[in-house]
Amino acid sequence: MLERFRQFWTTILAHPANLLLKWGVKPDHVTIVGTAGVVFGALFFFPRGELFWGVMFITAFVFSDLMDGYMARQLGTSSKWGAFLDSTLDRVGDAAIFGGLAIYYVSVHAEADLGEVRWYFYLSLACLVLGNLTSYARARAESLGMQAKGGIAERADRLVAILVMTGFNGLLGWDFLTEITLWVLALASLVTVFQRMAIVHRQAVQNPGLDT
């Protein structure tokens, strides 16, 4: 859903990206620093209960996912290695965000009702695992010469939803915003996995000669 706004944000970020290119910064450097910033923000601020500042810190780095691709295209150096690095580190950043929330629920809410805390700890882990599974399904399909892009909860949708709702939670103190979002994302991610499996199955049936 939110992929349609990728070009808009790429245009907005073109100016700072061009400035980095003038300074000799490489796209891979932006990818690595951006991921490091996301991981630090999620694993430092979230476990301390500082959700709002964690989201602000993460947001400052998360746009590197658009900048590095733009920079590579401008340099004419887009490569399989760059695509691999970007995709792999995306998984690291996503895992850090949901992992940070999982730690948040067992640290900041340690004195709350144990049963309730467990639910949101497990949901955070479910979002982590299912989010990575949706990405794996697409990557595996493409390695077999098929496509598996789509579904109701692509990466951008998941990322924006959890960051926006967690940011408002940290600002207003409304835990239910993050909690509802975790429920929705866990279910939506599960549905997306099955949607991608169905997409691949349809292609496999229609084109049985594809390399498997």
C-alpha atoms as a PDB file:
ATOM      1  CA  MET A   1       0.000   0.000   0.000  1.00  0.00           C
ATOM      2  CA  LEU A   2       2.631   2.521   1.088  1.00  0.00           C
ATOM      3  CA  GLU A   3       5.024   1.514  -1.684  1.00  0.00           C
ATOM      4  CA  ARG A   4       3.179   3.970  -3.921  1.00  0.00           C
ATOM      5  CA  PHE A   5       4.706   6.827  -1.882  1.00  0.00           C
ATOM      6  CA  ARG A   6       8.279   5.584  -2.402  1.00  0.00           C
ATOM      7  CA  GLN A   7       8.893   7.955  -5.323  1.00  0.00           C
ATOM      8  CA  PHE A   8       7.597  10.926  -3.325  1.00  0.00           C
ATOM      9  CA  TRP A   9      10.008  10.305  -0.446  1.00  0.00           C
ATOM     10  CA  THR A  10      12.852   9.526  -2.823  1.00  0.00           C
ATOM     11  CA  THR A  11      12.360  12.960  -4.399  1.00  0.00           C
ATOM     12  CA  ILE A  12      12.337  14.618  -0.969  1.00  0.00           C
ATOM     13  CA  LEU A  13      15.544  12.829   0.057  1.00  0.00           C
ATOM     14  CA  ALA A  14      17.342  13.457  -3.231  1.00  0.00           C
ATOM     15  CA  HIS A  15      18.957  16.683  -1.989  1.00  0.00           C
ATOM     16  CA  PRO A  16      20.638  15.261   1.140  1.00  0.00           C
ATOM     17  CA  ALA A  17      21.562  12.150  -0.850  1.00  0.00           C
ATOM     18  CA  ASN A  18      23.280  14.266  -3.511  1.00  0.00           C
ATOM     19  CA  LEU A  19      25.132  16.122  -0.773  1.00  0.00           C
ATOM     20  CA  LEU A  20      26.423  12.849   0.661  1.00  0.00           C
ATOM     21  CA  LEU A  21      27.582  11.821  -2.807  1.00  0.00           C
ATOM     22  CA  LYS A  22      29.574  15.062  -3.111  1.00  0.00           C
ATOM     23  CA  TRP A  23      31.246  14.226   0.181  1.00  0.00           C
ATOM     24  CA  GLY A  24      32.284  10.842  -1.180  1.00  0.00           C
ATOM     25  CA  VAL A  25      29.898   8.772   0.921  1.00  0.00           C
ATOM     26  CA  LYS A  26      29.072   5.406  -0.664  1.00  0.00           C
ATOM     27  CA  PRO A  27      25.579   3.846  -0.798  1.00  0.00           C
ATOM     28  CA  ASP A  28      26.755   0.850   1.244  1.00  0.00           C
ATOM     29  CA  HIS A  29      27.938   3.227   3.974  1.00  0.00           C
ATOM     30  CA  VAL A  30      24.462   4.748   4.172  1.00  0.00           C
ATOM     31  CA  THR A  31      22.879   1.288   4.336  1.00  0.00           C
ATOM     32  CA  ILE A  32      25.130   0.175   7.194  1.00  0.00           C
ATOM     33  CA  VAL A  33      24.880   3.406   9.205  1.00  0.00           C
ATOM     34  CA  GLY A  34      21.115   3.544   8.715  1.00  0.00           C
ATOM     35  CA  THR A  35      20.686  -0.005  10.002  1.00  0.00           C
ATOM     36  CA  ALA A  36      23.003   0.648  12.945  1.00  0.00           C
ATOM     37  CA  GLY A  37      20.918   3.681  13.872  1.00  0.00           C
ATOM     38  CA  VAL A  38      17.656   1.734  13.717  1.00  0.00           C
ATOM     39  CA  VAL A  39      19.080  -1.110  15.796  1.00  0.00           C
ATOM     40  CA  PHE A  40      20.510   1.248  18.411  1.00  0.00           C
ATOM     41  CA  GLY A  41      17.301   3.267  18.651  1.00  0.00           C
ATOM     42  CA  ALA A  42      15.129   0.186  19.050  1.00  0.00           C
ATOM     43  CA  LEU A  43      17.320  -1.693  21.509  1.00  0.00           C
ATOM     44  CA  PHE A  44      18.382   1.306  23.594  1.00  0.00           C
ATOM     45  CA  PHE A  45      15.203   3.383  23.908  1.00  0.00           C
ATOM     46  CA  PHE A  46      12.402   0.793  23.746  1.00  0.00           C
ATOM     47  CA  PRO A  47      13.627  -1.443  26.622  1.00  0.00           C
ATOM     48  CA  ARG A  48      13.923   1.712  28.774  1.00  0.00           C
ATOM     49  CA  GLY A  49      10.295   2.625  28.066  1.00  0.00           C
ATOM     50  CA  GLU A  50      11.287   5.713  26.054  1.00  0.00           C
ATOM     51  CA  LEU A  51       9.030   4.844  23.136  1.00  0.00           C
ATOM     52  CA  PHE A  52       8.557   8.317  21.678  1.00  0.00           C
ATOM     53  CA  TRP A  53      12.263   9.143  21.564  1.00  0.00           C
ATOM     54  CA  GLY A  54      12.993   5.670  20.271  1.00  0.00           C
ATOM     55  CA  VAL A  55      10.626   6.195  17.355  1.00  0.00           C
ATOM     56  CA  MET A  56      12.081   9.652  16.634  1.00  0.00           C
ATOM     57  CA  PHE A  57      15.616   8.233  16.629  1.00  0.00           C
ATOM     58  CA  ILE A  58      14.651   5.295  14.406  1.00  0.00           C
ATOM     59  CA  THR A  59      12.772   7.540  11.976  1.00  0.00           C
ATOM     60  CA  ALA A  60      15.885   9.667  11.506  1.00  0.00           C
ATOM     61  CA  PHE A  61      17.705   6.607  10.166  1.00  0.00           C
ATOM     62  CA  VAL A  62      14.988   4.539   8.524  1.00  0.00           C
ATOM     63  CA  PHE A  63      14.895   6.698   5.383  1.00  0.00           C
ATOM     64  CA  SER A  64      18.371   5.451   4.529  1.00  0.00           C
ATOM     65  CA  ASP A  65      16.519   2.569   2.865  1.00  0.00           C
ATOM     66  CA  LEU A  66      15.474   5.019   0.141  1.00  0.00           C
ATOM     67  CA  MET A  67      18.635   7.092   0.062  1.00  0.00           C
ATOM     68  CA  ASP A  68      21.070   4.253  -0.572  1.00  0.00           C
ATOM     69  CA  GLY A  69      19.143   3.012  -3.595  1.00  0.00           C
ATOM     70  CA  TYR A  70      18.926   6.523  -5.043  1.00  0.00           C
ATOM     71  CA  MET A  71      22.646   7.088  -4.486  1.00  0.00           C
ATOM     72  CA  ALA A  72      23.548   3.796  -6.175  1.00  0.00           C
ATOM     73  CA  ARG A  73      21.460   4.714  -9.215  1.00  0.00           C
ATOM     74  CA  GLN A  74      23.057   8.155  -9.420  1.00  0.00           C
ATOM     75  CA  LEU A  75      26.518   6.608  -9.336  1.00  0.00           C
ATOM     76  CA  GLY A  76      25.517   3.862 -11.755  1.00  0.00           C
ATOM     77  CA  THR A  77      26.779   1.302  -9.268  1.00  0.00           C
ATOM     78  CA  SER A  78      23.585  -0.620  -8.517  1.00  0.00           C
ATOM     79  CA  SER A  79      24.673  -4.202  -7.986  1.00  0.00           C
ATOM     80  CA  LYS A  80      23.546  -7.565  -6.720  1.00  0.00           C
ATOM     81  CA  TRP A  81      25.767  -7.069  -3.684  1.00  0.00           C
ATOM     82  CA  GLY A  82      24.099  -3.749  -2.852  1.00  0.00           C
ATOM     83  CA  ALA A  83      20.645  -5.284  -3.221  1.00  0.00           C
ATOM     84  CA  PHE A  84      21.653  -8.238  -1.051  1.00  0.00           C
ATOM     85  CA  LEU A  85      23.173  -6.019   1.643  1.00  0.00           C
ATOM     86  CA  ASP A  86      20.150  -3.728   1.692  1.00  0.00           C
ATOM     87  CA  SER A  87      17.652  -6.590   1.909  1.00  0.00           C
ATOM     88  CA  THR A  88      19.623  -8.433   4.588  1.00  0.00           C
ATOM     89  CA  LEU A  89      20.083  -5.376   6.790  1.00  0.00           C
ATOM     90  CA  ASP A  90      16.388  -4.505   6.399  1.00  0.00           C
ATOM     91  CA  ARG A  91      15.645  -7.776   8.186  1.00  0.00           C
ATOM     92  CA  VAL A  92      18.093  -6.853  10.939  1.00  0.00           C
ATOM     93  CA  GLY A  93      16.435  -3.475  11.477  1.00  0.00           C
ATOM     94  CA  ASP A  94      12.918  -4.912  11.491  1.00  0.00           C
ATOM     95  CA  ALA A  95      13.943  -7.610  13.955  1.00  0.00           C
ATOM     96  CA  ALA A  96      15.471  -4.986  16.251  1.00  0.00           C
ATOM     97  CA  ILE A  97      12.251  -2.948  16.301  1.00  0.00           C
ATOM     98  CA  PHE A  98       9.979  -5.838  17.266  1.00  0.00           C
ATOM     99  CA  GLY A  99      12.672  -7.358  19.479  1.00  0.00           C
ATOM    100  CA  GLY A 100      12.962  -4.042  21.303  1.00  0.00           C
ATOM    101  CA  LEU A 101       9.221  -4.011  21.874  1.00  0.00           C
ATOM    102  CA  ALA A 102       9.343  -7.592  23.163  1.00  0.00           C
ATOM    103  CA  ILE A 103      11.993  -6.559  25.695  1.00  0.00           C
ATOM    104  CA  TYR A 104       9.922  -3.488  26.573  1.00  0.00           C
ATOM    105  CA  TYR A 105       6.999  -5.648  27.614  1.00  0.00           C
ATOM    106  CA  VAL A 106       9.058  -7.864  29.918  1.00  0.00           C
ATOM    107  CA  SER A 107      11.119  -5.033  31.423  1.00  0.00           C
ATOM    108  CA  VAL A 108       9.029  -1.874  31.730  1.00  0.00           C
ATOM    109  CA  HIS A 109       5.842  -3.869  32.376  1.00  0.00           C
ATOM    110  CA  ALA A 110       7.466  -6.424  34.655  1.00  0.00           C
ATOM    111  CA  GLU A 111       5.095  -5.573  37.513  1.00  0.00           C
ATOM    112  CA  ALA A 112       1.947  -5.717  35.376  1.00  0.00           C
ATOM    113  CA  ASP A 113      -0.327  -8.728  35.014  1.00  0.00           C
ATOM    114  CA  LEU A 114       1.971 -11.540  33.878  1.00  0.00           C
ATOM    115  CA  GLY A 115      -0.590 -13.064  31.532  1.00  0.00           C
ATOM    116  CA  GLU A 116      -1.192  -9.780  29.724  1.00  0.00           C
ATOM    117  CA  VAL A 117       2.523  -9.052  29.423  1.00  0.00           C
ATOM    118  CA  ARG A 118       3.122 -12.480  27.937  1.00  0.00           C
ATOM    119  CA  TRP A 119       0.528 -11.869  25.221  1.00  0.00           C
ATOM    120  CA  TYR A 120       2.269  -8.743  23.946  1.00  0.00           C
ATOM    121  CA  PHE A 121       5.716 -10.271  24.345  1.00  0.00           C
ATOM    122  CA  TYR A 122       4.584 -13.195  22.189  1.00  0.00           C
ATOM    123  CA  LEU A 123       2.836 -10.897  19.706  1.00  0.00           C
ATOM    124  CA  SER A 124       6.007  -8.832  19.285  1.00  0.00           C
ATOM    125  CA  LEU A 125       7.938 -12.018  18.548  1.00  0.00           C
ATOM    126  CA  ALA A 126       5.182 -13.194  16.187  1.00  0.00           C
ATOM    127  CA  CYS A 127       5.424  -9.931  14.227  1.00  0.00           C
ATOM    128  CA  LEU A 128       9.200 -10.345  14.093  1.00  0.00           C
ATOM    129  CA  VAL A 129       9.033 -13.915  12.789  1.00  0.00           C
ATOM    130  CA  LEU A 130       6.118 -13.442  10.397  1.00  0.00           C
ATOM    131  CA  GLY A 131       7.575 -10.225   9.010  1.00  0.00           C
ATOM    132  CA  ASN A 132      10.779 -12.030   8.145  1.00  0.00           C
ATOM    133  CA  LEU A 133       8.782 -14.932   6.722  1.00  0.00           C
ATOM    134  CA  THR A 134       6.912 -12.666   4.306  1.00  0.00           C
ATOM    135  CA  SER A 135      10.240 -11.345   3.065  1.00  0.00           C
ATOM    136  CA  TYR A 136      11.681 -14.847   2.788  1.00  0.00           C
ATOM    137  CA  ALA A 137       8.673 -16.000   0.758  1.00  0.00           C
ATOM    138  CA  ARG A 138       9.269 -13.232  -1.767  1.00  0.00           C
ATOM    139  CA  ALA A 139      13.037 -13.812  -1.917  1.00  0.00           C
ATOM    140  CA  ARG A 140      12.641 -17.559  -2.337  1.00  0.00           C
ATOM    141  CA  ALA A 141      10.043 -17.130  -5.066  1.00  0.00           C
ATOM    142  CA  GLU A 142      12.309 -14.758  -6.969  1.00  0.00           C
ATOM    143  CA  SER A 143      15.199 -17.204  -6.674  1.00  0.00           C
ATOM    144  CA  LEU A 144      12.955 -19.741  -8.443  1.00  0.00           C
ATOM    145  CA  GLY A 145      12.107 -17.332 -11.239  1.00  0.00           C
ATOM    146  CA  MET A 146       8.682 -16.347  -9.869  1.00  0.00           C
ATOM    147  CA  GLN A 147       7.178 -13.304  -8.187  1.00  0.00           C
ATOM    148  CA  ALA A 148       5.625 -13.054  -4.730  1.00  0.00           C
ATOM    149  CA  LYS A 149       5.293  -9.335  -4.188  1.00  0.00           C
ATOM    150  CA  GLY A 150       2.089  -8.055  -2.641  1.00  0.00           C
ATOM    151  CA  GLY A 151      -0.228  -8.887   0.216  1.00  0.00           C
ATOM    152  CA  ILE A 152      -2.096  -6.784   2.736  1.00  0.00           C
ATOM    153  CA  ALA A 153       0.954  -6.074   4.921  1.00  0.00           C
ATOM    154  CA  GLU A 154       4.134  -5.355   3.011  1.00  0.00           C
ATOM    155  CA  ARG A 155       7.253  -4.218   4.845  1.00  0.00           C
ATOM    156  CA  ALA A 156       6.586  -0.486   4.489  1.00  0.00           C
ATOM    157  CA  ASP A 157       3.046  -0.896   5.828  1.00  0.00           C
ATOM    158  CA  ARG A 158       4.241  -2.853   8.862  1.00  0.00           C
ATOM    159  CA  LEU A 159       7.056  -0.451   9.615  1.00  0.00           C
ATOM    160  CA  VAL A 160       5.010   2.727   9.374  1.00  0.00           C
ATOM    161  CA  ALA A 161       2.118   1.264  11.392  1.00  0.00           C
ATOM    162  CA  ILE A 162       4.212   0.110  14.341  1.00  0.00           C
ATOM    163  CA  LEU A 163       6.376   3.237  14.446  1.00  0.00           C
ATOM    164  CA  VAL A 164       3.480   5.703  14.205  1.00  0.00           C
ATOM    165  CA  MET A 165       1.342   3.957  16.804  1.00  0.00           C
ATOM    166  CA  THR A 166       4.254   3.351  19.163  1.00  0.00           C
ATOM    167  CA  GLY A 167       5.306   6.979  18.806  1.00  0.00           C
ATOM    168  CA  PHE A 168       1.836   8.181  19.799  1.00  0.00           C
ATOM    169  CA  ASN A 169       1.855   5.649  22.631  1.00  0.00           C
ATOM    170  CA  GLY A 170       5.100   7.108  23.945  1.00  0.00           C
ATOM    171  CA  LEU A 171       3.797  10.667  23.575  1.00  0.00           C
ATOM    172  CA  LEU A 172       0.334  10.129  25.078  1.00  0.00           C
ATOM    173  CA  GLY A 173       0.911   7.121  27.319  1.00  0.00           C
ATOM    174  CA  TRP A 174      -1.766   5.069  25.557  1.00  0.00           C
ATOM    175  CA  ASP A 175      -0.402   1.536  25.572  1.00  0.00           C
ATOM    176  CA  PHE A 176      -3.434   0.230  23.712  1.00  0.00           C
ATOM    177  CA  LEU A 177      -2.178   1.917  20.508  1.00  0.00           C
ATOM    178  CA  THR A 178       0.876  -0.339  20.312  1.00  0.00           C
ATOM    179  CA  GLU A 179      -1.040  -3.347  21.606  1.00  0.00           C
ATOM    180  CA  ILE A 180      -3.800  -3.125  18.992  1.00  0.00           C
ATOM    181  CA  THR A 181      -1.210  -2.572  16.275  1.00  0.00           C
ATOM    182  CA  LEU A 182       0.668  -5.713  17.314  1.00  0.00           C
ATOM    183  CA  TRP A 183      -2.542  -7.763  17.080  1.00  0.00           C
ATOM    184  CA  VAL A 184      -3.356  -6.328  13.654  1.00  0.00           C
ATOM    185  CA  LEU A 185       0.165  -6.747  12.282  1.00  0.00           C
ATOM    186  CA  ALA A 186       0.512 -10.319  13.530  1.00  0.00           C
ATOM    187  CA  LEU A 187      -2.742 -11.284  11.810  1.00  0.00           C
ATOM    188  CA  ALA A 188      -2.033  -9.238   8.664  1.00  0.00           C
ATOM    189  CA  SER A 189       1.474 -10.686   8.364  1.00  0.00           C
ATOM    190  CA  LEU A 190       0.111 -14.215   8.651  1.00  0.00           C
ATOM    191  CA  VAL A 191      -2.442 -13.484   5.938  1.00  0.00           C
ATOM    192  CA  THR A 192       0.291 -11.978   3.764  1.00  0.00           C
ATOM    193  CA  VAL A 193       2.379 -15.144   4.047  1.00  0.00           C
ATOM    194  CA  PHE A 194      -0.542 -17.224   2.780  1.00  0.00           C
ATOM    195  CA  GLN A 195      -1.282 -14.678   0.055  1.00  0.00           C
ATOM    196  CA  ARG A 196       2.271 -14.929  -1.223  1.00  0.00           C
ATOM    197  CA  MET A 197       2.163 -18.704  -1.055  1.00  0.00           C
ATOM    198  CA  ALA A 198      -1.018 -18.610  -3.140  1.00  0.00           C
ATOM    199  CA  ILE A 199       0.626 -16.265  -5.671  1.00  0.00           C
ATOM    200  CA  VAL A 200       3.591 -18.618  -6.050  1.00  0.00           C
ATOM    201  CA  HIS A 201       1.387 -21.717  -6.228  1.00  0.00           C
ATOM    202  CA  ARG A 202      -0.638 -20.147  -9.038  1.00  0.00           C
ATOM    203  CA  GLN A 203       2.507 -19.378 -11.022  1.00  0.00           C
ATOM    204  CA  ALA A 204       3.922 -22.838 -10.401  1.00  0.00           C
ATOM    205  CA  VAL A 205       0.739 -24.479 -11.666  1.00  0.00           C
ATOM    206  CA  GLN A 206       0.544 -22.260 -14.742  1.00  0.00           C
ATOM    207  CA  ASN A 207       4.240 -22.661 -15.546  1.00  0.00           C
ATOM    208  CA  PRO A 208       5.329 -26.125 -14.342  1.00  0.00           C
ATOM    209  CA  GLY A 209       8.536 -25.841 -16.324  1.00  0.00           C
ATOM    210  CA  LEU A 210       9.942 -23.100 -14.064  1.00  0.00           C
ATOM    211  CA  ASP A 211      13.224 -23.978 -12.391  1.00  0.00           C
ATOM    212  CA  THR A 212      12.546 -25.393  -8.915  1.00  0.00           C
END
